[in-house]
Amino acid sequence: MTDSKEGKIIILFYILLSVLVLLIYSQTAGFDFVNYDDYLYTLDNPTAQNGLTWEGVKYAFTGATLVPNYWIPLVWLSFMADFSIWGVNAGGFHCTNLVLHLANVLLLFTALRMLTGRKYESAFVAALFAAHPIHVESVAWVAERKDLLCGFFFMLSLIAYARYAKNPSWQKYILVLVLFVLGLMSKPMLVTFPFLLLLLDHWPLSRMGRGWKSFRALAVEKIPFLLLTPLVSAGAIVYQKKGGAWVSMDSIPWSLRLLNTLISYATYLRKMVIPTDLAVCYPYPATAPALQWMGALFLLLAISLVALKYIKKAPWLFTGWFWFCGVLFPVSGIFIIGDYLVADRYAYLTFIGLYLAVAVSFGEFLKISAVNKKAVALASAAIICGLGFSAWMQTGYWKNGATLFSHTIFVTGPGNYTAQLNLGNALARMGLYDDALMHLMKAHELNTGRAEPVNSIGGVYLAAGKTDPAIQLFRAALKIRPDYPDAARNLSIALKEKAKQNQSIEPTTAGPFPLSRR
């Protein structure tokens, strides 16, 4: 194949990938924020709303960790830039997410071509990454800018490492390290990046050679990356504990964590093959059924043994499988943050390894088979189109908080505390107080030990002008959680309204709806 024809094919792939992303996600330009962390980063944060300023930059690097429980200064700077460009238009924030995902898709195609030299397999992997519905959460959710920025620097790191491996120099090495640090400043998910580089050294870069000496040299090469990993991991744990998101061993013991981790890995595999019943939050299981964890253990061991057995004959299986296992490990369930075991957003970078293993295996099969190549191309296009349509449908649920959490309850059932709470809050913001109370009462019924539903119910009463019961509810919320700032703020508002009523001044309920800030 001539260089001219080769170049035209690659350009065609770039165009097709771009069209695919735009067809799925351009609808988000008309979407609103959702009441699930979006407001924490945007409308509830006056510093961010001021746009890119020197004070904002200082806040991003030093003062913003108490809000999302992460040190993610680049994410904050991106939101400030959005405010400078778009103002308070939620569609503009969604457009930024769309552009970042599009960039990540194209950069992934570039990186895999450079790493593997396989343009068709690389294009198929990039298309899966663009169209798989499990990635909708990372793109359509404004608050998950973390995934997109982290992914952006991750893709650039892969490209830089491919260039370094081909012709090493200290300048190229420093560039990889800098991009890695920028990725960590976007989301701590990249802590396993040094491990991933060793996998790439095995395949497709073939840098391992033979013997312990070769591996040791490559491991020493990764020491600067490895030194940052425990530092970032420890920082993430500290911030999560400060924010109350870290789940202690007393709450969920090691035994249940380990068994549920097995189940979570199997669940992600199922979602890759059959991406149905996707939701923004899945309740953490109270038990780990023996049949489930034993089946998951068997599946994981079987795939791992196959990958190890064919480590030389089919090294892409080893790299792809352990890419998935390794990158997912920090969020697999051993360390628990929040009320969930599985989250679609954690698949954003982890599934690339699985896509790669499948694509290259299929490409190798085609080399030795008599299957019609045009039929294979049509079948591949059909798979991508099917996934893309499913992703387009899934994206539509992110139009606003009400549509998102209504769908979540439909998928996960009425026993989903987080979904009930947030649907109630979303409906209350829309002024649908009776419907909101129904879901907030259900959330309180599901978890009587949480202050958030009590505070939100009080917010509904306050917005409806029922000051006395609102005051009682805010005090009840503070009794459950004395350090709850939302309830304290709302109690202050309610007491001021009560004082106005006592002075026969018309009460006002103008301003933001006083709900739990999620």
Protein backbone atom coordinates (compact mmCIF):
# COMPACT_ATOMS: atom_id res chain seq x y z
CA MET A 1 0.00 0.00 0.00
CA THR A 2 1.41 3.38 -0.99
CA ASP A 3 2.02 6.10 1.57
CA SER A 4 -0.58 8.27 -0.17
CA LYS A 5 -3.29 5.61 0.10
CA GLU A 6 -2.26 4.83 3.67
CA GLY A 7 -2.56 8.49 4.61
CA LYS A 8 -6.00 8.77 3.03
CA ILE A 9 -7.25 5.77 4.99
CA ILE A 10 -5.97 7.25 8.25
CA ILE A 11 -7.59 10.62 7.50
CA LEU A 12 -10.84 8.80 6.71
CA PHE A 13 -10.70 7.08 10.10
CA TYR A 14 -10.17 10.43 11.84
CA ILE A 15 -13.22 11.84 10.04
CA LEU A 16 -15.43 8.82 10.78
CA LEU A 17 -14.44 8.81 14.46
CA SER A 18 -15.22 12.53 14.73
CA VAL A 19 -18.63 12.09 13.09
CA LEU A 20 -19.40 9.18 15.42
CA VAL A 21 -18.68 11.22 18.55
CA LEU A 22 -20.66 14.22 17.30
CA LEU A 23 -23.69 12.11 16.36
CA ILE A 24 -23.85 10.62 19.85
CA TYR A 25 -23.02 13.59 22.04
CA SER A 26 -23.97 16.79 20.20
CA GLN A 27 -27.37 16.59 21.91
CA THR A 28 -25.71 17.50 25.22
CA ALA A 29 -25.36 21.12 24.04
CA GLY A 30 -29.00 21.55 25.07
CA PHE A 31 -28.70 19.80 28.43
CA ASP A 32 -28.85 21.33 31.90
CA PHE A 33 -26.66 20.67 34.93
CA VAL A 34 -27.72 17.71 37.07
CA ASN A 35 -28.03 17.93 40.85
CA TYR A 36 -25.29 15.37 41.45
CA ASP A 37 -22.03 17.24 42.07
CA ASP A 38 -22.49 19.54 39.05
CA TYR A 39 -23.60 22.44 41.25
CA LEU A 40 -20.63 21.94 43.60
CA TYR A 41 -18.29 22.70 40.73
CA THR A 42 -20.37 25.38 39.04
CA LEU A 43 -23.36 27.40 40.24
CA ASP A 44 -22.75 26.81 43.96
CA ASN A 45 -19.13 27.93 43.72
CA PRO A 46 -18.71 31.74 43.52
CA THR A 47 -14.94 31.51 43.04
CA ALA A 48 -15.34 29.35 39.95
CA GLN A 49 -18.09 31.62 38.63
CA ASN A 50 -15.67 34.55 38.59
CA GLY A 51 -13.87 32.82 35.73
CA LEU A 52 -10.12 32.63 35.25
CA THR A 53 -8.60 35.05 37.74
CA TRP A 54 -5.46 35.03 39.85
CA GLU A 55 -7.60 34.39 42.93
CA GLY A 56 -9.24 31.53 41.09
CA VAL A 57 -5.88 29.99 40.21
CA LYS A 58 -4.79 30.12 43.86
CA TYR A 59 -8.11 28.58 44.89
CA ALA A 60 -7.71 25.76 42.34
CA PHE A 61 -4.31 24.77 43.72
CA THR A 62 -4.83 25.39 47.43
CA GLY A 63 -8.44 25.88 48.47
CA ALA A 64 -10.62 23.67 46.30
CA THR A 65 -9.93 20.25 47.83
CA LEU A 66 -12.69 20.53 50.41
CA VAL A 67 -15.39 20.62 47.74
CA PRO A 68 -14.91 17.44 45.66
CA ASN A 69 -12.53 15.73 48.16
CA TYR A 70 -9.83 15.60 45.47
CA TRP A 71 -6.81 17.70 44.60
CA ILE A 72 -7.71 18.37 40.96
CA PRO A 73 -6.53 21.91 40.15
CA LEU A 74 -6.65 21.46 36.38
CA VAL A 75 -10.32 20.50 36.54
CA TRP A 76 -11.09 23.65 38.51
CA LEU A 77 -9.17 25.77 36.02
CA SER A 78 -11.16 24.22 33.17
CA PHE A 79 -14.45 25.08 34.90
CA MET A 80 -13.26 28.64 35.47
CA ALA A 81 -12.37 28.87 31.79
CA ASP A 82 -15.88 27.64 30.97
CA PHE A 83 -17.40 30.42 33.05
CA SER A 84 -15.18 32.95 31.27
CA ILE A 85 -16.31 31.64 27.87
CA TRP A 86 -19.88 30.46 28.41
CA GLY A 87 -21.09 32.25 31.52
CA VAL A 88 -23.68 30.15 33.38
CA ASN A 89 -24.87 28.36 30.22
CA ALA A 90 -24.82 24.65 31.08
CA GLY A 91 -24.74 23.75 27.39
CA GLY A 92 -21.33 25.38 27.08
CA PHE A 93 -19.91 23.16 29.82
CA HIS A 94 -21.31 20.13 28.02
CA CYS A 95 -19.70 21.32 24.78
CA THR A 96 -16.32 21.42 26.51
CA ASN A 97 -16.84 17.83 27.66
CA LEU A 98 -17.75 16.86 24.11
CA VAL A 99 -14.61 18.45 22.68
CA LEU A 100 -12.43 16.71 25.27
CA HIS A 101 -13.96 13.30 24.55
CA LEU A 102 -13.54 13.85 20.82
CA ALA A 103 -9.89 14.77 21.38
CA ASN A 104 -9.40 11.66 23.53
CA VAL A 105 -10.87 9.40 20.84
CA LEU A 106 -8.60 10.83 18.14
CA LEU A 107 -5.55 10.79 20.43
CA LEU A 108 -6.23 7.17 21.37
CA PHE A 109 -6.30 6.20 17.70
CA THR A 110 -3.00 8.03 17.21
CA ALA A 111 -1.39 6.47 20.28
CA LEU A 112 -2.39 2.91 19.41
CA ARG A 113 -1.17 3.32 15.82
CA MET A 114 2.18 4.50 17.14
CA LEU A 115 2.39 1.73 19.73
CA THR A 116 1.15 -1.22 17.67
CA GLY A 117 1.53 -0.22 14.03
CA ARG A 118 -1.97 -1.64 13.41
CA LYS A 119 -4.24 1.00 11.91
CA TYR A 120 -7.38 -1.09 11.51
CA GLU A 121 -7.31 -2.57 14.99
CA SER A 122 -6.46 0.86 16.43
CA ALA A 123 -9.41 2.42 14.61
CA PHE A 124 -11.76 -0.27 15.92
CA VAL A 125 -10.54 0.26 19.50
CA ALA A 126 -11.00 4.03 19.15
CA ALA A 127 -14.49 3.49 17.72
CA LEU A 128 -15.43 1.25 20.67
CA PHE A 129 -14.08 3.90 23.01
CA ALA A 130 -16.11 6.56 21.20
CA ALA A 131 -19.39 4.64 21.01
CA HIS A 132 -19.64 2.28 23.97
CA PRO A 133 -22.60 3.41 26.13
CA ILE A 134 -20.75 2.78 29.39
CA HIS A 135 -18.66 5.89 28.63
CA VAL A 136 -21.71 8.15 28.44
CA GLU A 137 -21.46 8.96 32.15
CA SER A 138 -17.95 10.34 31.75
CA VAL A 139 -18.97 12.57 28.83
CA ALA A 140 -22.54 13.70 29.57
CA TRP A 141 -21.89 14.46 33.24
CA VAL A 142 -20.33 17.90 33.68
CA ALA A 143 -18.81 16.95 37.05
CA GLU A 144 -16.92 14.09 35.39
CA ARG A 145 -14.67 16.57 33.61
CA LYS A 146 -12.12 14.76 35.80
CA ASP A 147 -12.27 11.65 33.61
CA LEU A 148 -11.98 13.59 30.39
CA LEU A 149 -9.02 15.76 31.41
CA CYS A 150 -7.29 12.79 33.01
CA GLY A 151 -7.92 10.82 29.82
CA PHE A 152 -6.59 13.68 27.70
CA PHE A 153 -3.22 13.69 29.46
CA PHE A 154 -3.23 9.89 29.59
CA MET A 155 -3.53 9.68 25.79
CA LEU A 156 -0.80 12.28 25.36
CA SER A 157 1.37 10.28 27.78
CA LEU A 158 0.92 7.16 25.66
CA ILE A 159 1.97 9.06 22.53
CA ALA A 160 4.97 10.56 24.32
CA TYR A 161 5.99 7.16 25.69
CA ALA A 162 5.73 5.56 22.25
CA ARG A 163 8.12 8.23 20.93
CA TYR A 164 10.45 7.74 23.90
CA ALA A 165 10.53 3.95 23.53
CA LYS A 166 11.38 4.22 19.84
CA ASN A 167 14.27 6.63 20.37
CA PRO A 168 14.98 7.30 24.08
CA SER A 169 16.23 10.67 25.29
CA TRP A 170 16.00 12.44 28.63
CA GLN A 171 13.87 15.21 27.06
CA LYS A 172 11.27 12.69 25.87
CA TYR A 173 11.37 10.97 29.26
CA ILE A 174 10.71 14.25 31.08
CA LEU A 175 7.78 14.94 28.75
CA VAL A 176 6.17 11.60 29.67
CA LEU A 177 6.67 12.35 33.35
CA VAL A 178 5.21 15.87 33.06
CA LEU A 179 2.13 14.58 31.21
CA PHE A 180 1.70 11.91 33.89
CA VAL A 181 1.77 14.59 36.60
CA LEU A 182 -0.79 16.67 34.69
CA GLY A 183 -3.01 13.60 34.50
CA LEU A 184 -2.74 13.12 38.27
CA MET A 185 -3.68 16.78 38.72
CA SER A 186 -6.88 15.99 36.85
CA LYS A 187 -7.82 12.77 38.66
CA PRO A 188 -5.84 10.33 40.87
CA MET A 189 -7.05 7.45 38.66
CA LEU A 190 -3.64 7.43 36.94
CA VAL A 191 -1.79 6.06 39.98
CA THR A 192 -1.38 2.70 38.21
CA PHE A 193 0.21 4.29 35.12
CA PRO A 194 3.75 2.99 35.92
CA PHE A 195 2.36 -0.55 36.00
CA LEU A 196 0.70 0.05 32.63
CA LEU A 197 3.98 1.26 31.13
CA LEU A 198 5.60 -2.05 32.08
CA LEU A 199 2.78 -3.90 30.34
CA LEU A 200 3.36 -1.82 27.21
CA ASP A 201 7.08 -2.57 27.46
CA HIS A 202 6.16 -6.25 27.17
CA TRP A 203 3.75 -5.70 24.27
CA PRO A 204 3.54 -4.01 21.87
CA LEU A 205 6.88 -2.25 22.44
CA SER A 206 8.87 -5.49 22.99
CA ARG A 207 11.35 -3.77 25.32
CA MET A 208 11.51 -6.58 27.87
CA GLY A 209 14.17 -8.69 26.22
CA ARG A 210 15.08 -11.74 28.24
CA GLY A 211 16.00 -12.28 31.85
CA TRP A 212 15.76 -10.39 35.11
CA LYS A 213 18.34 -7.78 34.12
CA SER A 214 16.16 -6.45 31.31
CA PHE A 215 13.07 -6.23 33.51
CA ARG A 216 15.06 -4.58 36.31
CA ALA A 217 16.32 -1.86 33.98
CA LEU A 218 12.79 -1.07 32.84
CA ALA A 219 11.52 -1.11 36.42
CA VAL A 220 14.26 1.33 37.50
CA GLU A 221 13.22 3.55 34.60
CA LYS A 222 9.75 3.79 36.21
CA ILE A 223 10.97 4.81 39.69
CA PRO A 224 10.14 8.55 39.33
CA PHE A 225 6.61 7.55 38.32
CA LEU A 226 6.37 5.05 41.18
CA LEU A 227 7.49 7.64 43.73
CA LEU A 228 4.50 9.82 42.89
CA THR A 229 2.00 6.96 43.19
CA PRO A 230 1.97 6.50 47.00
CA LEU A 231 2.07 10.27 47.52
CA VAL A 232 -1.00 10.86 45.36
CA SER A 233 -2.79 7.81 46.77
CA ALA A 234 -2.23 8.94 50.35
CA GLY A 235 -3.40 12.45 49.50
CA ALA A 236 -6.56 11.13 47.88
CA ILE A 237 -7.36 9.04 50.96
CA VAL A 238 -6.81 11.99 53.30
CA TYR A 239 -9.09 14.26 51.27
CA GLN A 240 -11.78 11.58 51.01
CA LYS A 241 -11.69 11.07 54.78
CA LYS A 242 -11.98 14.81 55.38
CA GLY A 243 -14.97 14.97 53.08
CA GLY A 244 -16.68 12.02 54.74
CA ALA A 245 -16.67 9.93 51.55
CA TRP A 246 -14.16 7.31 52.76
CA VAL A 247 -15.83 4.14 54.03
CA SER A 248 -14.01 2.69 57.04
CA MET A 249 -13.22 -0.97 57.69
CA ASP A 250 -15.67 -0.90 60.58
CA SER A 251 -18.52 -0.20 58.17
CA ILE A 252 -17.57 -2.76 55.53
CA PRO A 253 -15.02 -5.45 56.57
CA TRP A 254 -12.19 -6.75 54.41
CA SER A 255 -13.93 -10.06 53.78
CA LEU A 256 -16.98 -8.43 52.18
CA ARG A 257 -14.77 -5.99 50.27
CA LEU A 258 -12.71 -8.80 48.73
CA LEU A 259 -15.73 -10.83 47.70
CA ASN A 260 -17.52 -7.81 46.28
CA THR A 261 -14.35 -6.83 44.40
CA LEU A 262 -14.50 -10.14 42.55
CA ILE A 263 -18.13 -9.47 41.71
CA SER A 264 -17.35 -5.92 40.57
CA TYR A 265 -14.72 -7.15 38.08
CA ALA A 266 -17.20 -9.65 36.65
CA THR A 267 -19.88 -6.95 36.52
CA TYR A 268 -17.66 -4.67 34.45
CA LEU A 269 -16.95 -7.53 32.05
CA ARG A 270 -20.68 -8.13 31.67
CA LYS A 271 -21.27 -4.43 31.04
CA MET A 272 -18.65 -4.42 28.32
CA VAL A 273 -20.31 -7.28 26.44
CA ILE A 274 -23.94 -6.46 27.33
CA PRO A 275 -24.14 -2.74 28.16
CA THR A 276 -27.72 -2.65 29.42
CA ASP A 277 -29.31 -1.29 32.60
CA LEU A 278 -26.71 1.46 32.95
CA ALA A 279 -27.26 4.02 35.71
CA VAL A 280 -25.42 6.83 37.44
CA CYS A 281 -25.43 5.09 40.83
CA TYR A 282 -25.80 1.46 41.88
CA PRO A 283 -26.53 0.63 45.55
CA TYR A 284 -23.69 -1.08 47.41
CA PRO A 285 -24.69 -4.72 48.03
CA ALA A 286 -25.16 -5.67 51.68
CA THR A 287 -23.99 -9.23 51.01
CA ALA A 288 -21.84 -11.11 48.52
CA PRO A 289 -23.83 -14.18 47.37
CA ALA A 290 -21.60 -17.25 47.23
CA LEU A 291 -22.71 -18.24 43.74
CA GLN A 292 -21.83 -14.78 42.42
CA TRP A 293 -18.38 -14.41 43.94
CA MET A 294 -17.39 -18.01 43.18
CA GLY A 295 -18.52 -17.61 39.57
CA ALA A 296 -16.63 -14.32 39.35
CA LEU A 297 -13.50 -15.90 40.83
CA PHE A 298 -13.64 -18.76 38.33
CA LEU A 299 -14.09 -16.34 35.41
CA LEU A 300 -11.22 -14.06 36.48
CA LEU A 301 -8.86 -16.97 37.12
CA ALA A 302 -9.73 -18.59 33.80
CA ILE A 303 -9.06 -15.43 31.78
CA SER A 304 -5.86 -14.71 33.74
CA LEU A 305 -4.55 -18.25 33.15
CA VAL A 306 -5.25 -17.99 29.42
CA ALA A 307 -3.45 -14.63 29.28
CA LEU A 308 -0.46 -16.09 31.13
CA LYS A 309 -0.40 -19.26 29.03
CA TYR A 310 -0.24 -17.28 25.79
CA ILE A 311 2.01 -14.53 27.10
CA LYS A 312 4.49 -15.18 24.26
CA LYS A 313 2.23 -16.43 21.46
CA ALA A 314 -0.47 -13.81 22.04
CA PRO A 315 1.13 -11.11 24.23
CA TRP A 316 -1.70 -8.66 23.50
CA LEU A 317 -3.99 -10.80 25.64
CA PHE A 318 -1.64 -10.38 28.60
CA THR A 319 -1.25 -6.63 28.14
CA GLY A 320 -4.92 -5.98 27.44
CA TRP A 321 -6.28 -8.13 30.25
CA PHE A 322 -3.93 -6.85 32.94
CA TRP A 323 -4.40 -3.28 31.68
CA PHE A 324 -8.05 -3.74 32.63
CA CYS A 325 -7.29 -5.46 35.95
CA GLY A 326 -4.54 -3.08 37.01
CA VAL A 327 -6.07 0.27 36.09
CA LEU A 328 -9.40 -0.73 37.67
CA PHE A 329 -7.87 -2.06 40.91
CA PRO A 330 -7.84 1.19 42.98
CA VAL A 331 -11.60 1.62 42.41
CA SER A 332 -12.57 -2.05 42.24
CA GLY A 333 -14.04 -2.21 45.74
CA ILE A 334 -11.06 -2.80 48.01
CA PHE A 335 -10.98 0.90 48.83
CA ILE A 336 -14.53 2.22 49.05
CA ILE A 337 -15.47 5.82 48.36
CA GLY A 338 -19.16 6.64 48.56
CA ASP A 339 -22.14 4.29 48.50
CA TYR A 340 -21.38 2.33 45.34
CA LEU A 341 -19.40 -0.73 44.30
CA VAL A 342 -19.53 -0.23 40.53
CA ALA A 343 -19.53 3.05 38.60
CA ASP A 344 -19.70 3.40 34.81
CA ARG A 345 -17.17 6.26 34.86
CA TYR A 346 -14.43 3.90 36.11
CA ALA A 347 -14.57 2.11 32.75
CA TYR A 348 -13.39 5.17 30.81
CA LEU A 349 -9.69 4.24 30.75
CA THR A 350 -9.88 0.66 32.00
CA PHE A 351 -11.90 -0.75 29.09
CA ILE A 352 -9.28 0.32 26.55
CA GLY A 353 -7.23 -2.72 27.53
CA LEU A 354 -10.15 -5.06 26.87
CA TYR A 355 -10.94 -3.36 23.56
CA LEU A 356 -7.31 -3.76 22.53
CA ALA A 357 -7.15 -7.46 23.44
CA VAL A 358 -10.34 -8.20 21.49
CA ALA A 359 -9.42 -6.12 18.43
CA VAL A 360 -5.92 -7.53 18.01
CA SER A 361 -7.08 -11.11 18.64
CA PHE A 362 -9.68 -10.70 15.93
CA GLY A 363 -7.13 -9.12 13.61
CA GLU A 364 -4.79 -12.08 14.09
CA PHE A 365 -7.65 -14.49 13.44
CA LEU A 366 -8.43 -12.78 10.14
CA LYS A 367 -4.83 -13.28 8.99
CA ILE A 368 -5.22 -17.05 9.09
CA SER A 369 -8.86 -17.34 8.06
CA ALA A 370 -10.67 -17.16 4.75
CA VAL A 371 -13.38 -14.84 6.04
CA ASN A 372 -14.45 -12.18 3.56
CA LYS A 373 -12.83 -8.91 4.59
CA LYS A 374 -15.75 -6.78 3.38
CA ALA A 375 -18.14 -8.84 5.46
CA VAL A 376 -15.91 -8.30 8.49
CA ALA A 377 -15.85 -4.54 7.86
CA LEU A 378 -19.65 -4.45 7.61
CA ALA A 379 -20.03 -6.53 10.78
CA SER A 380 -17.62 -4.22 12.63
CA ALA A 381 -19.54 -1.17 11.42
CA ALA A 382 -22.81 -2.78 12.55
CA ILE A 383 -21.39 -3.38 16.04
CA ILE A 384 -20.23 0.22 16.31
CA CYS A 385 -23.55 1.55 15.02
CA GLY A 386 -25.47 -0.59 17.51
CA LEU A 387 -23.32 0.59 20.40
CA GLY A 388 -23.53 4.16 19.16
CA PHE A 389 -27.32 4.09 19.05
CA SER A 390 -27.42 2.67 22.57
CA ALA A 391 -25.00 5.41 23.71
CA TRP A 392 -27.18 8.06 22.04
CA MET A 393 -30.21 6.75 23.93
CA GLN A 394 -28.27 6.60 27.21
CA THR A 395 -27.02 10.16 26.71
CA GLY A 396 -30.60 11.42 26.52
CA TYR A 397 -31.23 10.43 30.14
CA TRP A 398 -28.68 13.07 31.21
CA LYS A 399 -30.86 15.96 30.00
CA ASN A 400 -31.53 17.05 33.59
CA GLY A 401 -31.64 15.66 37.12
CA ALA A 402 -35.26 14.53 36.89
CA THR A 403 -34.75 12.43 33.75
CA LEU A 404 -31.46 11.03 35.05
CA PHE A 405 -32.68 9.83 38.42
CA SER A 406 -36.07 8.67 37.16
CA HIS A 407 -34.16 6.38 34.79
CA THR A 408 -31.82 5.30 37.60
CA ILE A 409 -34.74 4.22 39.78
CA PHE A 410 -36.29 2.41 36.81
CA VAL A 411 -33.03 0.49 36.26
CA THR A 412 -31.94 -0.19 39.84
CA GLY A 413 -35.30 -0.32 41.61
CA PRO A 414 -37.03 1.88 44.21
CA GLY A 415 -34.58 0.85 46.93
CA ASN A 416 -31.83 3.12 45.58
CA TYR A 417 -31.37 5.71 48.34
CA THR A 418 -29.11 8.04 46.36
CA ALA A 419 -31.43 8.08 43.35
CA GLN A 420 -34.53 8.71 45.48
CA LEU A 421 -32.84 11.60 47.30
CA ASN A 422 -31.58 13.25 44.14
CA LEU A 423 -34.80 12.76 42.21
CA GLY A 424 -36.63 14.44 45.08
CA ASN A 425 -34.17 17.33 45.02
CA ALA A 426 -34.46 17.66 41.23
CA LEU A 427 -38.26 17.74 41.34
CA ALA A 428 -38.16 20.30 44.16
CA ARG A 429 -35.94 22.57 42.07
CA MET A 430 -38.63 22.35 39.39
CA GLY A 431 -41.31 23.39 41.90
CA LEU A 432 -43.02 19.96 41.90
CA TYR A 433 -43.18 19.83 45.69
CA ASP A 434 -45.70 17.00 46.15
CA ASP A 435 -43.75 14.66 43.88
CA ALA A 436 -40.51 15.77 45.50
CA LEU A 437 -41.78 14.97 49.00
CA MET A 438 -42.79 11.48 47.91
CA HIS A 439 -39.23 10.63 46.81
CA LEU A 440 -37.55 12.43 49.70
CA MET A 441 -39.74 10.56 52.19
CA LYS A 442 -38.76 7.33 50.45
CA ALA A 443 -35.08 8.25 50.75
CA HIS A 444 -35.53 8.94 54.47
CA GLU A 445 -37.32 5.62 54.87
CA LEU A 446 -34.44 3.80 53.16
CA ASN A 447 -31.80 5.41 55.38
CA THR A 448 -33.10 7.04 58.55
CA GLY A 449 -29.57 7.70 59.77
CA ARG A 450 -28.77 10.22 57.03
CA ALA A 451 -29.35 13.93 57.48
CA GLU A 452 -29.64 14.81 53.77
CA PRO A 453 -33.27 13.69 53.21
CA VAL A 454 -34.38 15.45 56.39
CA ASN A 455 -32.69 18.65 55.27
CA SER A 456 -34.22 18.42 51.80
CA ILE A 457 -37.71 17.80 53.16
CA GLY A 458 -37.23 20.90 55.28
CA GLY A 459 -36.21 22.77 52.14
CA VAL A 460 -39.47 21.78 50.44
CA TYR A 461 -41.51 23.04 53.38
CA LEU A 462 -39.54 26.27 53.51
CA ALA A 463 -40.02 26.89 49.79
CA ALA A 464 -43.74 26.25 50.24
CA GLY A 465 -43.88 28.89 53.00
CA LYS A 466 -44.28 26.39 55.87
CA THR A 467 -41.61 27.84 58.11
CA ASP A 468 -42.33 26.10 61.43
CA PRO A 469 -42.04 22.49 60.20
CA ALA A 470 -39.01 23.52 58.12
CA ILE A 471 -37.23 24.80 61.24
CA GLN A 472 -37.99 21.55 63.07
CA LEU A 473 -36.64 19.50 60.19
CA PHE A 474 -33.43 21.51 59.85
CA ARG A 475 -32.83 21.09 63.59
CA ALA A 476 -33.49 17.36 63.24
CA ALA A 477 -30.95 17.18 60.42
CA LEU A 478 -28.36 18.96 62.58
CA LYS A 479 -29.09 16.54 65.41
CA ILE A 480 -28.22 13.66 63.10
CA ARG A 481 -25.16 15.45 61.72
CA PRO A 482 -24.08 18.45 63.83
CA ASP A 483 -21.40 19.56 61.33
CA TYR A 484 -23.81 19.68 58.36
CA PRO A 485 -23.31 23.13 56.73
CA ASP A 486 -26.34 22.91 54.40
CA ALA A 487 -28.74 22.31 57.28
CA ALA A 488 -27.12 25.08 59.35
CA ARG A 489 -27.44 27.53 56.46
CA ASN A 490 -31.03 26.53 55.80
CA LEU A 491 -31.93 26.84 59.49
CA SER A 492 -30.56 30.38 59.46
CA ILE A 493 -32.68 31.21 56.39
CA ALA A 494 -35.78 29.70 57.99
CA LEU A 495 -35.29 31.61 61.25
CA LYS A 496 -34.98 34.87 59.31
CA GLU A 497 -38.19 34.05 57.43
CA LYS A 498 -39.89 33.32 60.76
CA ALA A 499 -38.76 36.68 62.12
CA LYS A 500 -40.18 38.45 59.04
CA GLN A 501 -43.49 36.66 59.50
CA ASN A 502 -43.63 37.72 63.15
CA GLN A 503 -43.12 41.31 61.99
CA SER A 504 -46.01 40.87 59.50
CA ILE A 505 -43.65 41.28 56.56
CA GLU A 506 -44.47 39.25 53.49
CA PRO A 507 -42.17 36.18 53.54
CA THR A 508 -39.91 35.64 50.58
CA THR A 509 -38.57 32.40 49.17
CA ALA A 510 -36.53 33.89 46.36
CA GLY A 511 -33.09 32.55 45.60
CA PRO A 512 -31.64 29.07 45.17
CA PHE A 513 -33.67 26.18 46.46
CA PRO A 514 -32.19 25.17 49.86
CA LEU A 515 -31.53 21.47 49.28
CA SER A 516 -28.83 18.98 50.11
CA ARG A 517 -25.93 19.83 47.81
CA ARG A 518 -25.61 16.74 45.63
